[in-house]
Amino acid sequence: MSQDPANPFSSPVNPYAVETQTPQGGPSGGRGLINQLGPLGICMMVQGGLEAVMAIGLGVFAMIFPTILAQQQGNQPMPPNLQPMMQIMYATFAAVLLVVAVLHILAGIRVQRYDSRVLAFVALGSGFLTFFGCYCMPTAMALFVWGLIVLVNGPVTQAFQLKEQGRSKEEIDRMLV
């Protein structure tokens, strides 16, 4: 930025000015948030693994619940439908959590290869079904927000579209430099 000698109103040269350039992936295009797909996929797989552990724990609890209930009741009469109702409830929670876990793991693997963007949206949204497994819900919510930000990014959307057209991951990476 130099001063124009013909224009007395031009700004003087600032020796402290730093020349800025739009980094690749900025609003002008480039890679966008594509670099976030790897960490997002890994976090989705970790989330799915934690949900699977919780599902297994709930399934085991559903199986041993009658024994625990019998030990606590002692000689007191038990309500007639309590045991099967609680077993069904815990087994249902375990099944739902296991489905969500499998969705997260599969979507995490596929997101890293630019496959199945819709599956990623479904897996992220299904994370809200983990509300009964208290420790899974906060991380599922954070993953949902981060995943939506990444997956609706323009270059990321373009990468998934290129993959649907039959391009390889390496070819897409070269194209979106």
N, C-alpha and C. Protein backbone atom coordinates (compact mmCIF):
# COMPACT_ATOMS: atom_id res chain seq x y z
N MET A 1 0.86 -1.16 0.00
CA MET A 1 0.00 0.00 0.00
C MET A 1 0.90 1.22 0.00
N SER A 2 1.03 1.84 -1.13
CA SER A 2 1.90 3.01 -1.22
C SER A 2 1.07 4.27 -1.43
N GLN A 3 1.69 5.39 -1.09
CA GLN A 3 0.99 6.66 -1.21
C GLN A 3 1.04 7.13 -2.65
N ASP A 4 -0.09 7.59 -3.16
CA ASP A 4 -0.18 8.10 -4.52
C ASP A 4 0.25 9.56 -4.50
N PRO A 5 1.35 9.92 -5.20
CA PRO A 5 1.82 11.32 -5.15
C PRO A 5 0.84 12.29 -5.80
N ALA A 6 -0.01 11.82 -6.71
CA ALA A 6 -0.95 12.71 -7.38
C ALA A 6 -2.17 12.99 -6.50
N ASN A 7 -2.41 12.19 -5.48
CA ASN A 7 -3.57 12.36 -4.62
C ASN A 7 -3.11 12.81 -3.24
N PRO A 8 -3.35 14.06 -2.89
CA PRO A 8 -2.89 14.54 -1.58
C PRO A 8 -3.69 13.95 -0.41
N PHE A 9 -4.83 13.33 -0.72
CA PHE A 9 -5.67 12.77 0.35
C PHE A 9 -5.45 11.27 0.56
N SER A 10 -4.53 10.67 -0.16
CA SER A 10 -4.31 9.24 0.03
C SER A 10 -3.65 8.99 1.38
N SER A 11 -3.87 7.82 1.92
CA SER A 11 -3.35 7.52 3.25
C SER A 11 -1.85 7.27 3.18
N PRO A 12 -1.15 7.67 4.22
CA PRO A 12 0.30 7.44 4.21
C PRO A 12 0.61 5.96 4.40
N VAL A 13 1.79 5.60 4.09
CA VAL A 13 2.22 4.21 4.21
C VAL A 13 2.34 3.86 5.69
N ASN A 14 1.77 2.74 6.06
CA ASN A 14 1.87 2.26 7.43
C ASN A 14 2.96 1.21 7.49
N PRO A 15 4.09 1.50 8.15
CA PRO A 15 5.17 0.51 8.18
C PRO A 15 4.84 -0.72 9.02
N TYR A 16 3.77 -0.62 9.83
CA TYR A 16 3.41 -1.74 10.71
C TYR A 16 2.30 -2.61 10.13
N ALA A 17 1.82 -2.26 8.96
CA ALA A 17 0.73 -3.02 8.36
C ALA A 17 1.23 -4.41 7.95
N VAL A 18 0.38 -5.39 8.15
CA VAL A 18 0.70 -6.75 7.77
C VAL A 18 -0.17 -7.11 6.57
N GLU A 19 0.48 -7.63 5.55
CA GLU A 19 -0.28 -8.05 4.38
C GLU A 19 -1.04 -9.31 4.75
N THR A 20 -2.34 -9.29 4.50
CA THR A 20 -3.16 -10.46 4.83
C THR A 20 -3.62 -11.13 3.56
N GLN A 21 -3.71 -12.43 3.63
CA GLN A 21 -4.23 -13.20 2.53
C GLN A 21 -5.33 -14.09 3.10
N THR A 22 -6.31 -14.36 2.26
CA THR A 22 -7.37 -15.27 2.69
C THR A 22 -6.80 -16.68 2.71
N PRO A 23 -6.80 -17.34 3.88
CA PRO A 23 -6.26 -18.70 3.91
C PRO A 23 -7.14 -19.65 3.11
N GLN A 24 -6.53 -20.70 2.62
CA GLN A 24 -7.32 -21.69 1.89
C GLN A 24 -8.36 -22.26 2.83
N GLY A 25 -9.53 -22.46 2.33
CA GLY A 25 -10.60 -23.00 3.15
C GLY A 25 -11.45 -21.91 3.77
N GLY A 26 -11.10 -20.66 3.51
CA GLY A 26 -11.89 -19.57 4.04
C GLY A 26 -13.15 -19.41 3.22
N PRO A 27 -13.78 -18.24 3.32
CA PRO A 27 -15.03 -18.03 2.61
C PRO A 27 -14.89 -18.12 1.09
N SER A 28 -13.65 -18.01 0.60
CA SER A 28 -13.46 -18.02 -0.84
C SER A 28 -13.42 -19.43 -1.43
N GLY A 29 -13.53 -20.46 -0.60
CA GLY A 29 -13.52 -21.83 -1.13
C GLY A 29 -12.41 -22.62 -0.49
N GLY A 30 -11.86 -23.56 -1.22
CA GLY A 30 -10.79 -24.39 -0.70
C GLY A 30 -11.33 -25.55 0.11
N ARG A 31 -10.60 -25.94 1.13
CA ARG A 31 -10.92 -27.13 1.91
C ARG A 31 -12.01 -26.90 2.95
N GLY A 32 -12.27 -25.69 3.33
CA GLY A 32 -13.32 -25.45 4.32
C GLY A 32 -13.05 -26.23 5.60
N LEU A 33 -14.04 -26.95 6.06
CA LEU A 33 -13.91 -27.73 7.29
C LEU A 33 -13.65 -29.21 7.01
N ILE A 34 -13.15 -29.52 5.83
CA ILE A 34 -12.88 -30.91 5.48
C ILE A 34 -11.88 -31.52 6.45
N ASN A 35 -10.94 -30.74 6.93
CA ASN A 35 -9.96 -31.26 7.87
C ASN A 35 -10.60 -31.69 9.19
N GLN A 36 -11.82 -31.25 9.45
CA GLN A 36 -12.52 -31.63 10.67
C GLN A 36 -13.23 -32.98 10.55
N LEU A 37 -13.32 -33.51 9.35
CA LEU A 37 -14.03 -34.79 9.17
C LEU A 37 -13.32 -35.95 9.86
N GLY A 38 -12.00 -35.95 9.85
CA GLY A 38 -11.25 -37.00 10.53
C GLY A 38 -11.51 -37.01 12.04
N PRO A 39 -11.27 -35.88 12.71
CA PRO A 39 -11.56 -35.84 14.14
C PRO A 39 -13.04 -36.07 14.47
N LEU A 40 -13.94 -35.58 13.62
CA LEU A 40 -15.36 -35.80 13.86
C LEU A 40 -15.68 -37.29 13.78
N GLY A 41 -15.15 -37.96 12.77
CA GLY A 41 -15.38 -39.40 12.64
C GLY A 41 -14.83 -40.17 13.83
N ILE A 42 -13.65 -39.80 14.29
CA ILE A 42 -13.06 -40.47 15.45
C ILE A 42 -13.92 -40.26 16.68
N CYS A 43 -14.37 -39.03 16.90
CA CYS A 43 -15.21 -38.74 18.06
C CYS A 43 -16.56 -39.47 17.97
N MET A 44 -17.09 -39.60 16.78
CA MET A 44 -18.33 -40.36 16.62
C MET A 44 -18.12 -41.83 16.97
N MET A 45 -16.98 -42.38 16.57
CA MET A 45 -16.70 -43.78 16.90
C MET A 45 -16.48 -43.96 18.40
N VAL A 46 -15.79 -43.01 19.03
CA VAL A 46 -15.59 -43.09 20.49
C VAL A 46 -16.93 -42.98 21.20
N GLN A 47 -17.77 -42.05 20.75
CA GLN A 47 -19.10 -41.91 21.34
C GLN A 47 -19.89 -43.21 21.19
N GLY A 48 -19.82 -43.81 20.03
CA GLY A 48 -20.50 -45.08 19.81
C GLY A 48 -19.96 -46.18 20.71
N GLY A 49 -18.65 -46.20 20.92
CA GLY A 49 -18.07 -47.18 21.81
C GLY A 49 -18.54 -47.02 23.25
N LEU A 50 -18.59 -45.76 23.71
CA LEU A 50 -19.08 -45.50 25.07
C LEU A 50 -20.56 -45.87 25.20
N GLU A 51 -21.32 -45.59 24.17
CA GLU A 51 -22.73 -45.96 24.20
C GLU A 51 -22.90 -47.47 24.19
N ALA A 52 -22.03 -48.18 23.48
CA ALA A 52 -22.11 -49.64 23.46
C ALA A 52 -21.80 -50.22 24.84
N VAL A 53 -20.82 -49.63 25.52
CA VAL A 53 -20.50 -50.08 26.88
C VAL A 53 -21.71 -49.86 27.79
N MET A 54 -22.34 -48.70 27.67
CA MET A 54 -23.52 -48.42 28.48
C MET A 54 -24.65 -49.38 28.13
N ALA A 55 -24.82 -49.70 26.86
CA ALA A 55 -25.88 -50.63 26.45
C ALA A 55 -25.63 -52.02 27.02
N ILE A 56 -24.39 -52.46 26.99
CA ILE A 56 -24.06 -53.77 27.56
C ILE A 56 -24.33 -53.77 29.06
N GLY A 57 -23.95 -52.68 29.73
CA GLY A 57 -24.21 -52.58 31.17
C GLY A 57 -25.69 -52.62 31.49
N LEU A 58 -26.50 -51.92 30.71
CA LEU A 58 -27.95 -51.95 30.94
C LEU A 58 -28.53 -53.32 30.65
N GLY A 59 -28.00 -53.99 29.63
CA GLY A 59 -28.47 -55.34 29.31
C GLY A 59 -28.15 -56.33 30.43
N VAL A 60 -26.94 -56.22 30.97
CA VAL A 60 -26.57 -57.09 32.09
C VAL A 60 -27.45 -56.79 33.30
N PHE A 61 -27.69 -55.51 33.54
CA PHE A 61 -28.53 -55.13 34.68
C PHE A 61 -29.95 -55.67 34.49
N ALA A 62 -30.45 -55.67 33.27
CA ALA A 62 -31.78 -56.21 33.02
C ALA A 62 -31.84 -57.70 33.36
N MET A 63 -30.73 -58.41 33.12
CA MET A 63 -30.71 -59.84 33.41
C MET A 63 -30.59 -60.12 34.91
N ILE A 64 -29.81 -59.31 35.64
CA ILE A 64 -29.61 -59.59 37.06
C ILE A 64 -30.60 -58.85 37.95
N PHE A 65 -31.46 -58.04 37.35
CA PHE A 65 -32.41 -57.26 38.14
C PHE A 65 -33.31 -58.11 39.04
N PRO A 66 -33.84 -59.24 38.56
CA PRO A 66 -34.69 -60.05 39.45
C PRO A 66 -33.97 -60.51 40.71
N THR A 67 -32.69 -60.87 40.57
CA THR A 67 -31.92 -61.31 41.73
C THR A 67 -31.74 -60.17 42.73
N ILE A 68 -31.41 -59.00 42.23
CA ILE A 68 -31.24 -57.84 43.10
C ILE A 68 -32.55 -57.51 43.79
N LEU A 69 -33.62 -57.52 43.03
CA LEU A 69 -34.93 -57.19 43.60
C LEU A 69 -35.34 -58.21 44.67
N ALA A 70 -35.08 -59.49 44.43
CA ALA A 70 -35.44 -60.52 45.41
C ALA A 70 -34.64 -60.36 46.69
N GLN A 71 -33.36 -59.99 46.57
CA GLN A 71 -32.53 -59.80 47.76
C GLN A 71 -32.99 -58.60 48.57
N GLN A 72 -33.42 -57.55 47.92
CA GLN A 72 -33.85 -56.35 48.64
C GLN A 72 -35.24 -56.51 49.24
N GLN A 73 -36.09 -57.28 48.62
CA GLN A 73 -37.46 -57.43 49.11
C GLN A 73 -37.52 -58.29 50.37
N GLY A 74 -36.69 -59.29 50.47
CA GLY A 74 -36.73 -60.18 51.62
C GLY A 74 -38.06 -60.92 51.69
N ASN A 75 -38.77 -60.77 52.81
CA ASN A 75 -40.06 -61.45 53.00
C ASN A 75 -41.24 -60.59 52.56
N GLN A 76 -40.99 -59.37 52.17
CA GLN A 76 -42.08 -58.48 51.77
C GLN A 76 -42.61 -58.91 50.40
N PRO A 77 -43.91 -58.82 50.23
CA PRO A 77 -44.46 -59.18 48.92
C PRO A 77 -44.06 -58.16 47.85
N MET A 78 -43.79 -58.64 46.67
CA MET A 78 -43.39 -57.79 45.56
C MET A 78 -44.61 -57.51 44.69
N PRO A 79 -44.74 -56.28 44.19
CA PRO A 79 -45.84 -56.01 43.25
C PRO A 79 -45.76 -57.00 42.09
N PRO A 80 -46.89 -57.49 41.62
CA PRO A 80 -46.90 -58.61 40.67
C PRO A 80 -46.19 -58.33 39.35
N ASN A 81 -46.31 -57.15 38.79
CA ASN A 81 -45.75 -56.90 37.46
C ASN A 81 -44.45 -56.10 37.49
N LEU A 82 -43.90 -55.86 38.66
CA LEU A 82 -42.72 -55.00 38.76
C LEU A 82 -41.50 -55.62 38.08
N GLN A 83 -41.23 -56.86 38.37
CA GLN A 83 -40.03 -57.50 37.84
C GLN A 83 -40.03 -57.56 36.31
N PRO A 84 -41.06 -58.07 35.65
CA PRO A 84 -41.01 -58.10 34.18
C PRO A 84 -41.03 -56.71 33.57
N MET A 85 -41.75 -55.79 34.20
CA MET A 85 -41.81 -54.43 33.66
C MET A 85 -40.42 -53.77 33.70
N MET A 86 -39.71 -53.93 34.81
CA MET A 86 -38.38 -53.33 34.92
C MET A 86 -37.39 -54.01 33.98
N GLN A 87 -37.49 -55.31 33.83
CA GLN A 87 -36.61 -56.02 32.91
C GLN A 87 -36.84 -55.56 31.47
N ILE A 88 -38.08 -55.42 31.10
CA ILE A 88 -38.41 -54.97 29.74
C ILE A 88 -37.90 -53.54 29.53
N MET A 89 -38.07 -52.69 30.54
CA MET A 89 -37.63 -51.30 30.44
C MET A 89 -36.11 -51.23 30.23
N TYR A 90 -35.35 -51.93 31.07
CA TYR A 90 -33.89 -51.89 30.94
C TYR A 90 -33.43 -52.55 29.64
N ALA A 91 -34.08 -53.63 29.24
CA ALA A 91 -33.72 -54.28 27.98
C ALA A 91 -34.01 -53.36 26.79
N THR A 92 -35.11 -52.63 26.84
CA THR A 92 -35.44 -51.68 25.78
C THR A 92 -34.42 -50.55 25.73
N PHE A 93 -34.06 -50.00 26.89
CA PHE A 93 -33.02 -48.96 26.93
C PHE A 93 -31.72 -49.49 26.33
N ALA A 94 -31.37 -50.72 26.69
CA ALA A 94 -30.13 -51.30 26.18
C ALA A 94 -30.18 -51.47 24.66
N ALA A 95 -31.31 -51.92 24.14
CA ALA A 95 -31.45 -52.12 22.69
C ALA A 95 -31.36 -50.80 21.93
N VAL A 96 -32.05 -49.78 22.44
CA VAL A 96 -32.01 -48.47 21.78
C VAL A 96 -30.60 -47.91 21.82
N LEU A 97 -29.95 -48.01 22.95
CA LEU A 97 -28.59 -47.49 23.09
C LEU A 97 -27.62 -48.25 22.18
N LEU A 98 -27.84 -49.54 22.02
CA LEU A 98 -26.97 -50.32 21.14
C LEU A 98 -27.16 -49.92 19.68
N VAL A 99 -28.39 -49.66 19.28
CA VAL A 99 -28.65 -49.21 17.90
C VAL A 99 -27.98 -47.86 17.65
N VAL A 100 -28.12 -46.95 18.60
CA VAL A 100 -27.49 -45.63 18.47
C VAL A 100 -25.97 -45.78 18.41
N ALA A 101 -25.42 -46.67 19.22
CA ALA A 101 -23.97 -46.90 19.23
C ALA A 101 -23.49 -47.40 17.88
N VAL A 102 -24.21 -48.36 17.32
CA VAL A 102 -23.82 -48.90 16.01
C VAL A 102 -23.92 -47.81 14.95
N LEU A 103 -24.96 -46.98 15.01
CA LEU A 103 -25.09 -45.87 14.06
C LEU A 103 -23.91 -44.92 14.16
N HIS A 104 -23.53 -44.56 15.39
CA HIS A 104 -22.39 -43.65 15.57
C HIS A 104 -21.10 -44.25 15.04
N ILE A 105 -20.87 -45.52 15.32
CA ILE A 105 -19.63 -46.16 14.87
C ILE A 105 -19.59 -46.24 13.34
N LEU A 106 -20.67 -46.71 12.73
CA LEU A 106 -20.70 -46.81 11.26
C LEU A 106 -20.57 -45.44 10.60
N ALA A 107 -21.30 -44.46 11.12
CA ALA A 107 -21.24 -43.12 10.54
C ALA A 107 -19.85 -42.52 10.71
N GLY A 108 -19.21 -42.77 11.85
CA GLY A 108 -17.85 -42.26 12.07
C GLY A 108 -16.86 -42.83 11.07
N ILE A 109 -16.99 -44.11 10.79
CA ILE A 109 -16.11 -44.74 9.80
C ILE A 109 -16.37 -44.16 8.42
N ARG A 110 -17.63 -44.02 8.07
CA ARG A 110 -17.98 -43.58 6.72
C ARG A 110 -17.70 -42.10 6.49
N VAL A 111 -17.85 -41.28 7.53
CA VAL A 111 -17.60 -39.84 7.39
C VAL A 111 -16.15 -39.59 7.01
N GLN A 112 -15.25 -40.39 7.55
CA GLN A 112 -13.84 -40.20 7.23
C GLN A 112 -13.51 -40.50 5.77
N ARG A 113 -14.38 -41.24 5.11
CA ARG A 113 -14.19 -41.57 3.69
C ARG A 113 -15.10 -40.76 2.79
N TYR A 114 -15.78 -39.74 3.34
CA TYR A 114 -16.73 -38.89 2.61
C TYR A 114 -17.93 -39.68 2.11
N ASP A 115 -18.32 -40.70 2.83
CA ASP A 115 -19.48 -41.52 2.48
C ASP A 115 -20.64 -41.22 3.42
N SER A 116 -21.83 -41.37 2.94
CA SER A 116 -23.06 -41.40 3.75
C SER A 116 -23.25 -40.19 4.66
N ARG A 117 -23.35 -39.04 4.06
CA ARG A 117 -23.60 -37.82 4.83
C ARG A 117 -24.94 -37.91 5.55
N VAL A 118 -25.94 -38.50 4.91
CA VAL A 118 -27.26 -38.65 5.53
C VAL A 118 -27.17 -39.56 6.76
N LEU A 119 -26.40 -40.64 6.66
CA LEU A 119 -26.20 -41.52 7.81
C LEU A 119 -25.57 -40.76 8.97
N ALA A 120 -24.65 -39.86 8.66
CA ALA A 120 -24.03 -39.05 9.71
C ALA A 120 -25.07 -38.17 10.40
N PHE A 121 -25.95 -37.54 9.61
CA PHE A 121 -27.01 -36.72 10.21
C PHE A 121 -27.93 -37.57 11.08
N VAL A 122 -28.29 -38.75 10.60
CA VAL A 122 -29.17 -39.64 11.36
C VAL A 122 -28.48 -40.07 12.66
N ALA A 123 -27.21 -40.43 12.58
CA ALA A 123 -26.49 -40.87 13.77
C ALA A 123 -26.36 -39.74 14.78
N LEU A 124 -26.05 -38.54 14.30
CA LEU A 124 -25.92 -37.40 15.22
C LEU A 124 -27.26 -37.08 15.87
N GLY A 125 -28.33 -37.13 15.10
CA GLY A 125 -29.66 -36.86 15.67
C GLY A 125 -30.11 -37.95 16.62
N SER A 126 -29.73 -39.19 16.33
CA SER A 126 -30.14 -40.28 17.21
C SER A 126 -29.43 -40.23 18.55
N GLY A 127 -28.38 -39.45 18.64
CA GLY A 127 -27.69 -39.30 19.91
C GLY A 127 -28.60 -38.75 21.00
N PHE A 128 -29.65 -38.05 20.61
CA PHE A 128 -30.58 -37.51 21.60
C PHE A 128 -31.43 -38.61 22.24
N LEU A 129 -31.43 -39.80 21.67
CA LEU A 129 -32.15 -40.92 22.27
C LEU A 129 -31.42 -41.49 23.47
N THR A 130 -30.23 -41.00 23.74
CA THR A 130 -29.45 -41.51 24.87
C THR A 130 -29.72 -40.75 26.16
N PHE A 131 -30.83 -40.03 26.22
CA PHE A 131 -31.12 -39.20 27.39
C PHE A 131 -31.21 -40.00 28.68
N PHE A 132 -31.58 -41.27 28.60
CA PHE A 132 -31.72 -42.08 29.81
C PHE A 132 -30.37 -42.60 30.30
N GLY A 133 -29.38 -42.62 29.45
CA GLY A 133 -28.02 -42.99 29.87
C GLY A 133 -27.27 -41.71 30.12
N CYS A 134 -27.43 -41.16 31.28
CA CYS A 134 -27.06 -39.78 31.59
C CYS A 134 -25.69 -39.35 31.08
N TYR A 135 -24.71 -40.23 31.15
CA TYR A 135 -23.37 -39.78 30.77
C TYR A 135 -23.20 -39.65 29.26
N CYS A 136 -24.08 -40.21 28.48
CA CYS A 136 -23.96 -40.15 27.02
C CYS A 136 -24.57 -38.87 26.43
N MET A 137 -25.55 -38.32 27.06
CA MET A 137 -26.30 -37.21 26.48
C MET A 137 -25.48 -35.92 26.30
N PRO A 138 -24.71 -35.45 27.29
CA PRO A 138 -23.96 -34.21 27.07
C PRO A 138 -22.98 -34.30 25.91
N THR A 139 -22.27 -35.40 25.81
CA THR A 139 -21.33 -35.53 24.70
C THR A 139 -22.06 -35.71 23.37
N ALA A 140 -23.21 -36.36 23.40
CA ALA A 140 -24.00 -36.50 22.17
C ALA A 140 -24.49 -35.14 21.68
N MET A 141 -24.87 -34.28 22.61
CA MET A 141 -25.31 -32.93 22.22
C MET A 141 -24.16 -32.12 21.62
N ALA A 142 -22.99 -32.19 22.26
CA ALA A 142 -21.83 -31.46 21.73
C ALA A 142 -21.43 -32.00 20.36
N LEU A 143 -21.45 -33.30 20.21
CA LEU A 143 -21.12 -33.93 18.94
C LEU A 143 -22.13 -33.54 17.86
N PHE A 144 -23.39 -33.43 18.24
CA PHE A 144 -24.45 -33.03 17.32
C PHE A 144 -24.18 -31.63 16.76
N VAL A 145 -23.88 -30.69 17.65
CA VAL A 145 -23.63 -29.30 17.21
C VAL A 145 -22.39 -29.25 16.32
N TRP A 146 -21.31 -29.86 16.77
CA TRP A 146 -20.08 -29.86 15.98
C TRP A 146 -20.30 -30.54 14.64
N GLY A 147 -20.98 -31.68 14.65
CA GLY A 147 -21.23 -32.41 13.41
C GLY A 147 -22.06 -31.62 12.42
N LEU A 148 -23.08 -30.92 12.91
CA LEU A 148 -23.89 -30.11 12.00
C LEU A 148 -23.08 -28.98 11.40
N ILE A 149 -22.26 -28.33 12.20
CA ILE A 149 -21.43 -27.24 11.69
C ILE A 149 -20.52 -27.75 10.59
N VAL A 150 -19.91 -28.90 10.81
CA VAL A 150 -18.97 -29.45 9.83
C VAL A 150 -19.71 -29.96 8.58
N LEU A 151 -20.79 -30.70 8.78
CA LEU A 151 -21.44 -31.37 7.65
C LEU A 151 -22.22 -30.43 6.73
N VAL A 152 -22.59 -29.25 7.19
CA VAL A 152 -23.28 -28.31 6.31
C VAL A 152 -22.32 -27.31 5.66
N ASN A 153 -21.04 -27.42 5.95
CA ASN A 153 -20.03 -26.56 5.35
C ASN A 153 -19.97 -26.83 3.84
N GLY A 154 -19.83 -25.78 3.06
CA GLY A 154 -19.85 -25.89 1.60
C GLY A 154 -18.85 -26.87 1.02
N PRO A 155 -17.55 -26.72 1.31
CA PRO A 155 -16.58 -27.67 0.76
C PRO A 155 -16.80 -29.11 1.24
N VAL A 156 -17.29 -29.29 2.47
CA VAL A 156 -17.58 -30.63 2.96
C VAL A 156 -18.72 -31.25 2.16
N THR A 157 -19.77 -30.46 1.94
CA THR A 157 -20.89 -30.93 1.13
C THR A 157 -20.41 -31.30 -0.27
N GLN A 158 -19.55 -30.47 -0.83
CA GLN A 158 -19.01 -30.74 -2.16
C GLN A 158 -18.19 -32.03 -2.17
N ALA A 159 -17.42 -32.28 -1.11
CA ALA A 159 -16.63 -33.51 -1.04
C ALA A 159 -17.53 -34.74 -1.02
N PHE A 160 -18.63 -34.68 -0.27
CA PHE A 160 -19.57 -35.81 -0.24
C PHE A 160 -20.24 -35.99 -1.60
N GLN A 161 -20.55 -34.89 -2.28
CA GLN A 161 -21.16 -35.00 -3.61
C GLN A 161 -20.18 -35.61 -4.61
N LEU A 162 -18.92 -35.22 -4.53
CA LEU A 162 -17.91 -35.80 -5.43
C LEU A 162 -17.75 -37.30 -5.17
N LYS A 163 -17.83 -37.70 -3.91
CA LYS A 163 -17.74 -39.13 -3.58
C LYS A 163 -18.93 -39.89 -4.15
N GLU A 164 -20.12 -39.27 -4.10
CA GLU A 164 -21.31 -39.91 -4.68
C GLU A 164 -21.18 -40.07 -6.19
N GLN A 165 -20.40 -39.19 -6.82
CA GLN A 165 -20.19 -39.27 -8.26
C GLN A 165 -19.15 -40.33 -8.63
N GLY A 166 -18.55 -40.97 -7.62
CA GLY A 166 -17.62 -42.06 -7.89
C GLY A 166 -16.16 -41.70 -7.75
N ARG A 167 -15.84 -40.54 -7.27
CA ARG A 167 -14.44 -40.14 -7.09
C ARG A 167 -13.88 -40.80 -5.83
N SER A 168 -12.58 -41.03 -5.83
CA SER A 168 -11.93 -41.62 -4.64
C SER A 168 -11.62 -40.51 -3.63
N LYS A 169 -11.37 -40.91 -2.40
CA LYS A 169 -11.06 -39.95 -1.34
C LYS A 169 -9.78 -39.18 -1.68
N GLU A 170 -8.78 -39.87 -2.18
CA GLU A 170 -7.52 -39.22 -2.53
C GLU A 170 -7.72 -38.21 -3.65
N GLU A 171 -8.54 -38.56 -4.62
CA GLU A 171 -8.82 -37.66 -5.74
C GLU A 171 -9.56 -36.42 -5.23
N ILE A 172 -10.49 -36.61 -4.33
CA ILE A 172 -11.23 -35.48 -3.76
C ILE A 172 -10.30 -34.58 -2.96
N ASP A 173 -9.40 -35.18 -2.20
CA ASP A 173 -8.44 -34.39 -1.42
C ASP A 173 -7.56 -33.55 -2.34
N ARG A 174 -7.14 -34.11 -3.47
CA ARG A 174 -6.33 -33.34 -4.42
C ARG A 174 -7.13 -32.22 -5.05
N MET A 175 -8.41 -32.47 -5.33
CA MET A 175 -9.25 -31.46 -6.00
C MET A 175 -9.55 -30.28 -5.09
N LEU A 176 -9.71 -30.52 -3.81
CA LEU A 176 -10.12 -29.47 -2.89
C LEU A 176 -8.97 -28.87 -2.09
N VAL A 177 -7.81 -28.77 -2.72
CA VAL A 177 -6.66 -28.18 -2.04
C VAL A 177 -6.81 -26.69 -1.96
